[in-house]
Amino acid sequence: MLSAYIAAAMRRATYQLLADDEGFVGEIPGLQGVLGHAETLEACREDLQSALEDWLVFRLRRGLLVPVVEDIDLTAPPVIEEAA
């Protein structure tokens, strides 16, 4: 499911060619703070995916919400413990 989420998020990525041969910047709309930057478009894609993976690990480990992408929801439902 994690691989499917990453692939779906990367399909939403947008890239911009920067002026003065400064390379490319990429972002994924709806995923605040997930940015990539590199000299080539392919390297920018790789940097963006790495940033996405780090962002997901950070949020999931802390129990923070992760936006649903293409109906893929990584946020686990709360566990309700029964009284003994």
N, C-alpha and C. Protein backbone atom coordinates (compact mmCIF):
# COMPACT_ATOMS: atom_id res chain seq x y z
N MET A 1 0.81 -1.18 0.00
CA MET A 1 0.00 0.00 0.00
C MET A 1 0.87 1.27 0.00
N LEU A 2 1.99 1.23 0.70
CA LEU A 2 2.89 2.38 0.74
C LEU A 2 3.45 2.68 -0.65
N SER A 3 3.84 1.64 -1.37
CA SER A 3 4.37 1.83 -2.74
C SER A 3 3.30 2.42 -3.65
N ALA A 4 2.07 1.96 -3.50
CA ALA A 4 0.97 2.48 -4.31
C ALA A 4 0.72 3.96 -4.00
N TYR A 5 0.81 4.32 -2.73
CA TYR A 5 0.62 5.72 -2.32
C TYR A 5 1.71 6.60 -2.94
N ILE A 6 2.94 6.15 -2.83
CA ILE A 6 4.06 6.92 -3.38
C ILE A 6 3.90 7.10 -4.89
N ALA A 7 3.55 6.03 -5.59
CA ALA A 7 3.36 6.12 -7.04
C ALA A 7 2.22 7.07 -7.38
N ALA A 8 1.12 7.00 -6.64
CA ALA A 8 -0.02 7.88 -6.89
C ALA A 8 0.35 9.34 -6.63
N ALA A 9 1.06 9.59 -5.54
CA ALA A 9 1.47 10.95 -5.22
C ALA A 9 2.42 11.50 -6.29
N MET A 10 3.34 10.68 -6.75
CA MET A 10 4.30 11.12 -7.76
C MET A 10 3.61 11.43 -9.09
N ARG A 11 2.48 10.79 -9.37
CA ARG A 11 1.73 11.10 -10.59
C ARG A 11 1.15 12.52 -10.53
N ARG A 12 0.95 13.03 -9.33
CA ARG A 12 0.40 14.38 -9.14
C ARG A 12 1.49 15.46 -9.15
N ALA A 13 2.73 15.06 -9.17
CA ALA A 13 3.84 16.00 -9.06
C ALA A 13 3.85 16.99 -10.22
N THR A 14 4.26 18.20 -9.89
CA THR A 14 4.45 19.23 -10.91
C THR A 14 5.90 19.71 -10.83
N TYR A 15 6.43 20.10 -11.98
CA TYR A 15 7.83 20.51 -12.06
C TYR A 15 7.92 21.85 -12.76
N GLN A 16 8.91 22.62 -12.36
CA GLN A 16 9.13 23.93 -12.97
C GLN A 16 10.62 24.06 -13.29
N LEU A 17 10.90 24.51 -14.50
CA LEU A 17 12.27 24.81 -14.91
C LEU A 17 12.62 26.19 -14.38
N LEU A 18 13.68 26.26 -13.61
CA LEU A 18 14.09 27.53 -13.02
C LEU A 18 14.93 28.33 -14.01
N ALA A 19 14.94 29.63 -13.83
CA ALA A 19 15.70 30.53 -14.71
C ALA A 19 17.20 30.39 -14.47
N ASP A 20 17.95 30.84 -15.43
CA ASP A 20 19.42 30.93 -15.31
C ASP A 20 20.09 29.60 -15.02
N ASP A 21 19.64 28.55 -15.66
CA ASP A 21 20.25 27.22 -15.49
C ASP A 21 20.35 26.77 -14.04
N GLU A 22 19.34 27.11 -13.24
CA GLU A 22 19.34 26.71 -11.84
C GLU A 22 18.66 25.36 -11.63
N GLY A 23 18.29 24.69 -12.71
CA GLY A 23 17.72 23.36 -12.61
C GLY A 23 16.21 23.37 -12.52
N PHE A 24 15.70 22.36 -11.83
CA PHE A 24 14.26 22.15 -11.72
C PHE A 24 13.86 22.09 -10.26
N VAL A 25 12.61 22.46 -10.02
CA VAL A 25 12.01 22.28 -8.70
C VAL A 25 10.70 21.52 -8.91
N GLY A 26 10.43 20.59 -8.01
CA GLY A 26 9.21 19.81 -8.10
C GLY A 26 8.46 19.83 -6.78
N GLU A 27 7.15 19.71 -6.87
CA GLU A 27 6.32 19.65 -5.67
C GLU A 27 5.12 18.75 -5.94
N ILE A 28 4.47 18.36 -4.87
CA ILE A 28 3.27 17.54 -4.98
C ILE A 28 2.13 18.32 -4.34
N PRO A 29 1.19 18.81 -5.14
CA PRO A 29 0.08 19.58 -4.59
C PRO A 29 -0.65 18.79 -3.50
N GLY A 30 -0.95 19.48 -2.41
CA GLY A 30 -1.66 18.86 -1.30
C GLY A 30 -0.77 18.24 -0.25
N LEU A 31 0.53 18.11 -0.54
CA LEU A 31 1.46 17.55 0.43
C LEU A 31 2.46 18.65 0.80
N GLN A 32 2.07 19.44 1.78
CA GLN A 32 2.84 20.63 2.17
C GLN A 32 4.25 20.26 2.62
N GLY A 33 5.22 20.95 2.04
CA GLY A 33 6.61 20.76 2.43
C GLY A 33 7.36 19.70 1.66
N VAL A 34 6.68 19.01 0.75
CA VAL A 34 7.35 17.98 -0.05
C VAL A 34 7.86 18.64 -1.33
N LEU A 35 9.17 18.88 -1.37
CA LEU A 35 9.79 19.57 -2.50
C LEU A 35 11.04 18.83 -2.94
N GLY A 36 11.33 18.93 -4.23
CA GLY A 36 12.57 18.39 -4.77
C GLY A 36 13.25 19.46 -5.60
N HIS A 37 14.57 19.38 -5.69
CA HIS A 37 15.33 20.34 -6.49
C HIS A 37 16.58 19.65 -7.01
N ALA A 38 16.86 19.83 -8.29
CA ALA A 38 18.07 19.25 -8.87
C ALA A 38 18.35 19.90 -10.22
N GLU A 39 19.52 19.60 -10.77
CA GLU A 39 19.92 20.19 -12.05
C GLU A 39 19.15 19.62 -13.24
N THR A 40 18.76 18.34 -13.18
CA THR A 40 18.02 17.72 -14.28
C THR A 40 16.63 17.33 -13.80
N LEU A 41 15.73 17.16 -14.76
CA LEU A 41 14.36 16.77 -14.42
C LEU A 41 14.34 15.40 -13.74
N GLU A 42 15.09 14.45 -14.27
CA GLU A 42 15.11 13.10 -13.68
C GLU A 42 15.67 13.13 -12.26
N ALA A 43 16.73 13.89 -12.05
CA ALA A 43 17.29 14.00 -10.70
C ALA A 43 16.31 14.71 -9.76
N CYS A 44 15.55 15.65 -10.28
CA CYS A 44 14.54 16.34 -9.49
C CYS A 44 13.44 15.36 -9.08
N ARG A 45 13.02 14.50 -10.01
CA ARG A 45 12.01 13.47 -9.68
C ARG A 45 12.52 12.58 -8.55
N GLU A 46 13.77 12.16 -8.64
CA GLU A 46 14.35 11.30 -7.61
C GLU A 46 14.42 12.01 -6.27
N ASP A 47 14.82 13.28 -6.29
CA ASP A 47 14.90 14.06 -5.06
C ASP A 47 13.51 14.26 -4.45
N LEU A 48 12.53 14.50 -5.30
CA LEU A 48 11.16 14.68 -4.84
C LEU A 48 10.63 13.40 -4.21
N GLN A 49 10.88 12.26 -4.83
CA GLN A 49 10.41 10.99 -4.27
C GLN A 49 11.09 10.71 -2.93
N SER A 50 12.36 11.01 -2.83
CA SER A 50 13.07 10.84 -1.57
C SER A 50 12.47 11.73 -0.48
N ALA A 51 12.16 12.97 -0.83
CA ALA A 51 11.53 13.89 0.12
C ALA A 51 10.16 13.37 0.55
N LEU A 52 9.41 12.83 -0.40
CA LEU A 52 8.10 12.25 -0.10
C LEU A 52 8.23 11.08 0.87
N GLU A 53 9.17 10.19 0.61
CA GLU A 53 9.37 9.04 1.49
C GLU A 53 9.74 9.49 2.90
N ASP A 54 10.64 10.45 3.03
CA ASP A 54 11.03 10.97 4.35
C ASP A 54 9.83 11.61 5.05
N TRP A 55 9.05 12.38 4.31
CA TRP A 55 7.87 13.06 4.84
C TRP A 55 6.86 12.04 5.36
N LEU A 56 6.65 10.96 4.60
CA LEU A 56 5.71 9.92 5.02
C LEU A 56 6.17 9.24 6.30
N VAL A 57 7.45 8.87 6.36
CA VAL A 57 7.98 8.21 7.56
C VAL A 57 7.80 9.12 8.77
N PHE A 58 8.13 10.39 8.62
CA PHE A 58 8.00 11.35 9.72
C PHE A 58 6.56 11.40 10.22
N ARG A 59 5.61 11.56 9.30
CA ARG A 59 4.21 11.72 9.69
C ARG A 59 3.63 10.43 10.25
N LEU A 60 3.93 9.31 9.63
CA LEU A 60 3.36 8.05 10.09
C LEU A 60 3.90 7.65 11.46
N ARG A 61 5.17 7.86 11.70
CA ARG A 61 5.76 7.52 13.01
C ARG A 61 5.19 8.35 14.14
N ARG A 62 4.75 9.54 13.81
CA ARG A 62 4.21 10.43 14.84
C ARG A 62 2.68 10.38 14.90
N GLY A 63 2.07 9.54 14.10
CA GLY A 63 0.62 9.42 14.10
C GLY A 63 -0.09 10.63 13.53
N LEU A 64 0.61 11.38 12.68
CA LEU A 64 0.02 12.56 12.05
C LEU A 64 -0.79 12.15 10.83
N LEU A 65 -1.77 12.96 10.50
CA LEU A 65 -2.59 12.67 9.33
C LEU A 65 -1.77 12.75 8.05
N VAL A 66 -2.09 11.87 7.14
CA VAL A 66 -1.49 11.85 5.81
C VAL A 66 -2.65 11.99 4.83
N PRO A 67 -2.63 13.00 3.95
CA PRO A 67 -3.74 13.18 3.02
C PRO A 67 -3.98 11.94 2.16
N VAL A 68 -5.24 11.67 1.89
CA VAL A 68 -5.62 10.58 1.00
C VAL A 68 -5.25 10.97 -0.43
N VAL A 69 -4.63 10.05 -1.15
CA VAL A 69 -4.27 10.27 -2.55
C VAL A 69 -4.84 9.12 -3.37
N GLU A 70 -5.64 9.46 -4.38
CA GLU A 70 -6.28 8.45 -5.24
C GLU A 70 -6.94 7.34 -4.41
N ASP A 71 -7.69 7.74 -3.40
CA ASP A 71 -8.42 6.82 -2.51
C ASP A 71 -7.52 5.91 -1.68
N ILE A 72 -6.24 6.22 -1.59
CA ILE A 72 -5.33 5.44 -0.75
C ILE A 72 -5.15 6.21 0.55
N ASP A 73 -5.59 5.59 1.65
CA ASP A 73 -5.56 6.21 2.97
C ASP A 73 -4.58 5.46 3.85
N LEU A 74 -3.47 6.10 4.19
CA LEU A 74 -2.44 5.46 5.01
C LEU A 74 -2.66 5.68 6.50
N THR A 75 -3.60 6.53 6.86
CA THR A 75 -3.84 6.82 8.26
C THR A 75 -4.64 5.68 8.88
N ALA A 76 -4.04 5.04 9.85
CA ALA A 76 -4.69 3.90 10.51
C ALA A 76 -5.84 4.40 11.37
N PRO A 77 -6.94 3.64 11.39
CA PRO A 77 -8.04 4.02 12.27
C PRO A 77 -7.62 3.87 13.73
N PRO A 78 -8.21 4.66 14.62
CA PRO A 78 -7.83 4.55 16.03
C PRO A 78 -8.17 3.18 16.60
N VAL A 79 -7.31 2.69 17.48
CA VAL A 79 -7.53 1.40 18.13
C VAL A 79 -8.31 1.65 19.41
N ILE A 80 -9.45 0.98 19.54
CA ILE A 80 -10.28 1.13 20.73
C ILE A 80 -10.06 -0.10 21.60
N GLU A 81 -9.56 0.15 22.79
CA GLU A 81 -9.30 -0.95 23.71
C GLU A 81 -10.53 -1.18 24.57
N GLU A 82 -10.88 -2.44 24.73
CA GLU A 82 -12.02 -2.79 25.57
C GLU A 82 -11.57 -2.86 27.02
N ALA A 83 -12.45 -2.42 27.91
CA ALA A 83 -12.14 -2.49 29.34
C ALA A 83 -12.18 -3.94 29.79
N ALA A 84 -11.23 -4.32 30.62
CA ALA A 84 -11.16 -5.71 31.08
C ALA A 84 -12.04 -5.93 32.28
